[in-house]
Amino acid sequence: MPTVELRFSAQPEHVRTARLVAAAVARRAGVDEAVLDEVRLAVGEACSRAVGLHRNHHITTPVTVILTEEEKAFSIEVGDGLTASGREASAQGTLGGGPDDPETDADGEDEMGLAVISGLVDDVEVRTGADGGVIRMTWPTAPVVVLP
């Protein structure tokens, strides 16, 4: 049940690295080869979303990506660091001004990103806690055959 954890500063150029690592670990975990493109796209979308939230809300903590190989599943959690109180303030408009405000546009992109992820991954969980938001995506794995 190995776990790989990535932490990176909220820079768009780091998203590519996260996608490459996720695809490599997913392949090693036994995720079907035909699904690897979906893994790459979903992780890229989740990481881009997290980077955008960090930048828009001036969050200095790193974006986290945790890749976990379980017995019959492979999961990826992308953490964004925007706490529940920060999300509530943003939703109430205290961080954004109006329809022309970049903060409001970012919230629309956030929702679009979640819609794309939901379209790519059958098993998605989005949660928010005291230490930030997390998108957890899970794919089934094939049993690894060990030859003698």
C-alpha atoms as a PDB file:
ATOM      1  CA  MET A   1       0.000   0.000   0.000  1.00  0.00           C
ATOM      2  CA  PRO A   2       2.675   2.559  -0.961  1.00  0.00           C
ATOM      3  CA  THR A   3       1.855   6.237  -0.869  1.00  0.00           C
ATOM      4  CA  VAL A   4       3.589   9.007  -2.791  1.00  0.00           C
ATOM      5  CA  GLU A   5       3.193  12.578  -1.603  1.00  0.00           C
ATOM      6  CA  LEU A   6       3.996  15.638  -3.701  1.00  0.00           C
ATOM      7  CA  ARG A   7       4.099  19.178  -2.380  1.00  0.00           C
ATOM      8  CA  PHE A   8       4.664  22.088  -4.711  1.00  0.00           C
ATOM      9  CA  SER A   9       4.363  25.847  -4.709  1.00  0.00           C
ATOM     10  CA  ALA A  10       1.294  27.219  -6.462  1.00  0.00           C
ATOM     11  CA  GLN A  11       2.928  27.723  -9.840  1.00  0.00           C
ATOM     12  CA  PRO A  12       1.212  26.515 -13.034  1.00  0.00           C
ATOM     13  CA  GLU A  13       4.433  24.964 -14.340  1.00  0.00           C
ATOM     14  CA  HIS A  14       4.393  22.388 -11.514  1.00  0.00           C
ATOM     15  CA  VAL A  15       1.053  20.946 -12.664  1.00  0.00           C
ATOM     16  CA  ARG A  16       2.749  19.085 -15.547  1.00  0.00           C
ATOM     17  CA  THR A  17       5.085  17.326 -13.123  1.00  0.00           C
ATOM     18  CA  ALA A  18       2.136  16.272 -10.943  1.00  0.00           C
ATOM     19  CA  ARG A  19       0.366  14.829 -14.016  1.00  0.00           C
ATOM     20  CA  LEU A  20       3.455  12.846 -15.048  1.00  0.00           C
ATOM     21  CA  VAL A  21       4.030  11.454 -11.553  1.00  0.00           C
ATOM     22  CA  ALA A  22       0.335  10.544 -11.191  1.00  0.00           C
ATOM     23  CA  ALA A  23       0.326   8.636 -14.492  1.00  0.00           C
ATOM     24  CA  ALA A  24       3.515   6.760 -13.610  1.00  0.00           C
ATOM     25  CA  VAL A  25       2.300   5.757 -10.145  1.00  0.00           C
ATOM     26  CA  ALA A  26      -1.156   4.835 -11.499  1.00  0.00           C
ATOM     27  CA  ARG A  27       0.428   2.578 -14.121  1.00  0.00           C
ATOM     28  CA  ARG A  28       2.566   0.889 -11.460  1.00  0.00           C
ATOM     29  CA  ALA A  29      -0.505   0.457  -9.226  1.00  0.00           C
ATOM     30  CA  GLY A  30      -2.339  -1.456 -11.961  1.00  0.00           C
ATOM     31  CA  VAL A  31      -4.742   1.158 -13.324  1.00  0.00           C
ATOM     32  CA  ASP A  32      -5.927   0.085 -16.786  1.00  0.00           C
ATOM     33  CA  GLU A  33      -3.750   1.548 -19.545  1.00  0.00           C
ATOM     34  CA  ALA A  34      -6.859   2.879 -21.316  1.00  0.00           C
ATOM     35  CA  VAL A  35      -7.703   5.020 -18.257  1.00  0.00           C
ATOM     36  CA  LEU A  36      -4.285   6.648 -17.802  1.00  0.00           C
ATOM     37  CA  ASP A  37      -5.187   9.625 -20.004  1.00  0.00           C
ATOM     38  CA  GLU A  38      -8.197  10.266 -17.773  1.00  0.00           C
ATOM     39  CA  VAL A  39      -5.941  10.089 -14.710  1.00  0.00           C
ATOM     40  CA  ARG A  40      -3.571  12.634 -16.275  1.00  0.00           C
ATOM     41  CA  LEU A  41      -6.389  14.986 -17.263  1.00  0.00           C
ATOM     42  CA  ALA A  42      -8.194  14.736 -13.914  1.00  0.00           C
ATOM     43  CA  VAL A  43      -5.021  15.330 -11.903  1.00  0.00           C
ATOM     44  CA  GLY A  44      -4.078  18.223 -14.168  1.00  0.00           C
ATOM     45  CA  GLU A  45      -7.504  19.789 -13.694  1.00  0.00           C
ATOM     46  CA  ALA A  46      -7.482  19.282  -9.915  1.00  0.00           C
ATOM     47  CA  CYS A  47      -3.963  20.684  -9.576  1.00  0.00           C
ATOM     48  CA  SER A  48      -4.714  23.648 -11.853  1.00  0.00           C
ATOM     49  CA  ARG A  49      -7.791  24.365  -9.748  1.00  0.00           C
ATOM     50  CA  ALA A  50      -5.741  24.207  -6.538  1.00  0.00           C
ATOM     51  CA  VAL A  51      -3.038  26.470  -8.007  1.00  0.00           C
ATOM     52  CA  GLY A  52      -5.719  28.982  -9.036  1.00  0.00           C
ATOM     53  CA  LEU A  53      -7.293  28.966  -5.576  1.00  0.00           C
ATOM     54  CA  HIS A  54      -3.905  29.447  -3.928  1.00  0.00           C
ATOM     55  CA  ARG A  55      -3.012  32.347  -6.191  1.00  0.00           C
ATOM     56  CA  ASN A  56      -6.427  34.055  -6.034  1.00  0.00           C
ATOM     57  CA  HIS A  57      -6.668  33.804  -2.248  1.00  0.00           C
ATOM     58  CA  HIS A  58      -2.958  34.463  -1.526  1.00  0.00           C
ATOM     59  CA  ILE A  59      -2.425  31.093   0.152  1.00  0.00           C
ATOM     60  CA  THR A  60       1.266  30.435   0.796  1.00  0.00           C
ATOM     61  CA  THR A  61       1.083  26.778   1.810  1.00  0.00           C
ATOM     62  CA  PRO A  62       2.027  24.254  -0.887  1.00  0.00           C
ATOM     63  CA  VAL A  63      -0.455  22.340  -3.010  1.00  0.00           C
ATOM     64  CA  THR A  64      -0.437  18.701  -1.924  1.00  0.00           C
ATOM     65  CA  VAL A  65      -0.991  15.607  -4.044  1.00  0.00           C
ATOM     66  CA  ILE A  66      -1.208  12.234  -2.287  1.00  0.00           C
ATOM     67  CA  LEU A  67      -1.223   9.089  -4.432  1.00  0.00           C
ATOM     68  CA  THR A  68      -2.259   5.912  -2.640  1.00  0.00           C
ATOM     69  CA  GLU A  69      -2.232   2.347  -3.910  1.00  0.00           C
ATOM     70  CA  GLU A  70      -4.862   0.299  -2.112  1.00  0.00           C
ATOM     71  CA  GLU A  71      -5.765  -3.365  -2.518  1.00  0.00           C
ATOM     72  CA  LYS A  72      -8.219  -2.953  -5.406  1.00  0.00           C
ATOM     73  CA  ALA A  73      -8.081   0.789  -6.016  1.00  0.00           C
ATOM     74  CA  PHE A  74      -5.762   3.679  -6.697  1.00  0.00           C
ATOM     75  CA  SER A  75      -6.630   7.075  -5.263  1.00  0.00           C
ATOM     76  CA  ILE A  76      -5.297  10.585  -5.650  1.00  0.00           C
ATOM     77  CA  GLU A  77      -6.032  13.422  -3.255  1.00  0.00           C
ATOM     78  CA  VAL A  78      -5.301  17.007  -4.283  1.00  0.00           C
ATOM     79  CA  GLY A  79      -5.360  19.494  -1.399  1.00  0.00           C
ATOM     80  CA  ASP A  80      -5.798  23.203  -1.982  1.00  0.00           C
ATOM     81  CA  GLY A  81      -5.298  24.831   1.436  1.00  0.00           C
ATOM     82  CA  LEU A  82      -8.394  27.076   1.169  1.00  0.00           C
ATOM     83  CA  THR A  83     -10.192  26.562   4.477  1.00  0.00           C
ATOM     84  CA  ALA A  84     -13.929  26.315   4.961  1.00  0.00           C
ATOM     85  CA  SER A  85     -14.059  29.847   6.414  1.00  0.00           C
ATOM     86  CA  GLY A  86     -12.149  31.154   3.380  1.00  0.00           C
ATOM     87  CA  ARG A  87     -14.622  29.472   1.032  1.00  0.00           C
ATOM     88  CA  GLU A  88     -17.563  30.922   2.955  1.00  0.00           C
ATOM     89  CA  ALA A  89     -16.063  34.429   2.816  1.00  0.00           C
ATOM     90  CA  SER A  90     -15.452  34.043  -0.906  1.00  0.00           C
ATOM     91  CA  ALA A  91     -18.994  32.786  -1.513  1.00  0.00           C
ATOM     92  CA  GLN A  92     -20.428  35.740   0.422  1.00  0.00           C
ATOM     93  CA  GLY A  93     -18.451  38.151  -1.734  1.00  0.00           C
ATOM     94  CA  THR A  94     -16.088  39.511   0.892  1.00  0.00           C
ATOM     95  CA  LEU A  95     -13.096  38.474  -1.181  1.00  0.00           C
ATOM     96  CA  GLY A  96     -14.622  39.375  -4.552  1.00  0.00           C
ATOM     97  CA  GLY A  97     -16.386  42.543  -5.603  1.00  0.00           C
ATOM     98  CA  GLY A  98     -18.807  41.817  -8.402  1.00  0.00           C
ATOM     99  CA  PRO A  99     -19.366  40.158 -11.757  1.00  0.00           C
ATOM    100  CA  ASP A 100     -16.312  41.846 -13.322  1.00  0.00           C
ATOM    101  CA  ASP A 101     -14.022  40.991 -10.405  1.00  0.00           C
ATOM    102  CA  PRO A 102     -11.313  38.388 -11.150  1.00  0.00           C
ATOM    103  CA  GLU A 103     -12.213  36.612  -7.885  1.00  0.00           C
ATOM    104  CA  THR A 104     -15.738  35.983  -9.198  1.00  0.00           C
ATOM    105  CA  ASP A 105     -14.332  34.668 -12.497  1.00  0.00           C
ATOM    106  CA  ALA A 106     -12.053  32.336 -10.548  1.00  0.00           C
ATOM    107  CA  ASP A 107     -15.052  30.899  -8.700  1.00  0.00           C
ATOM    108  CA  GLY A 108     -16.684  30.131 -12.076  1.00  0.00           C
ATOM    109  CA  GLU A 109     -13.508  28.421 -13.251  1.00  0.00           C
ATOM    110  CA  ASP A 110     -13.474  26.471  -9.981  1.00  0.00           C
ATOM    111  CA  GLU A 111     -16.958  25.107 -10.669  1.00  0.00           C
ATOM    112  CA  MET A 112     -16.038  24.314 -14.280  1.00  0.00           C
ATOM    113  CA  GLY A 113     -12.950  22.432 -13.088  1.00  0.00           C
ATOM    114  CA  LEU A 114     -15.047  20.334 -10.718  1.00  0.00           C
ATOM    115  CA  ALA A 115     -17.482  19.555 -13.546  1.00  0.00           C
ATOM    116  CA  VAL A 116     -14.626  18.400 -15.796  1.00  0.00           C
ATOM    117  CA  ILE A 117     -13.201  16.193 -13.029  1.00  0.00           C
ATOM    118  CA  SER A 118     -16.638  14.676 -12.361  1.00  0.00           C
ATOM    119  CA  GLY A 119     -16.929  13.871 -16.061  1.00  0.00           C
ATOM    120  CA  LEU A 120     -13.541  12.129 -16.103  1.00  0.00           C
ATOM    121  CA  VAL A 121     -13.684  10.174 -12.837  1.00  0.00           C
ATOM    122  CA  ASP A 122     -16.545   7.950 -11.651  1.00  0.00           C
ATOM    123  CA  ASP A 123     -15.548   8.035  -7.975  1.00  0.00           C
ATOM    124  CA  VAL A 124     -14.931  11.645  -6.843  1.00  0.00           C
ATOM    125  CA  GLU A 125     -15.257  13.125  -3.379  1.00  0.00           C
ATOM    126  CA  VAL A 126     -14.873  16.846  -2.625  1.00  0.00           C
ATOM    127  CA  ARG A 127     -14.536  17.922   0.986  1.00  0.00           C
ATOM    128  CA  THR A 128     -13.491  20.999   2.940  1.00  0.00           C
ATOM    129  CA  GLY A 129     -12.006  21.062   6.394  1.00  0.00           C
ATOM    130  CA  ALA A 130     -10.024  23.202   8.784  1.00  0.00           C
ATOM    131  CA  ASP A 131      -6.822  22.634   6.809  1.00  0.00           C
ATOM    132  CA  GLY A 132      -8.291  23.196   3.340  1.00  0.00           C
ATOM    133  CA  GLY A 133     -10.192  21.505   0.568  1.00  0.00           C
ATOM    134  CA  VAL A 134      -9.451  18.092  -0.903  1.00  0.00           C
ATOM    135  CA  ILE A 135     -10.528  16.417  -4.108  1.00  0.00           C
ATOM    136  CA  ARG A 136     -10.234  12.632  -3.821  1.00  0.00           C
ATOM    137  CA  MET A 137     -10.389  10.642  -7.053  1.00  0.00           C
ATOM    138  CA  THR A 138     -10.368   6.836  -7.124  1.00  0.00           C
ATOM    139  CA  TRP A 139      -9.893   4.337  -9.948  1.00  0.00           C
ATOM    140  CA  PRO A 140     -10.097   0.532  -9.828  1.00  0.00           C
ATOM    141  CA  THR A 141      -6.919  -1.461 -10.329  1.00  0.00           C
ATOM    142  CA  ALA A 142      -6.353  -4.817 -11.993  1.00  0.00           C
ATOM    143  CA  PRO A 143      -4.655  -7.494  -9.943  1.00  0.00           C
ATOM    144  CA  VAL A 144      -0.926  -7.600 -10.570  1.00  0.00           C
ATOM    145  CA  VAL A 145       0.165 -10.959 -11.947  1.00  0.00           C
ATOM    146  CA  VAL A 146       3.527 -12.148 -10.660  1.00  0.00           C
ATOM    147  CA  LEU A 147       5.218 -14.625 -12.964  1.00  0.00           C
ATOM    148  CA  PRO A 148       7.450 -17.345 -11.493  1.00  0.00           C
END
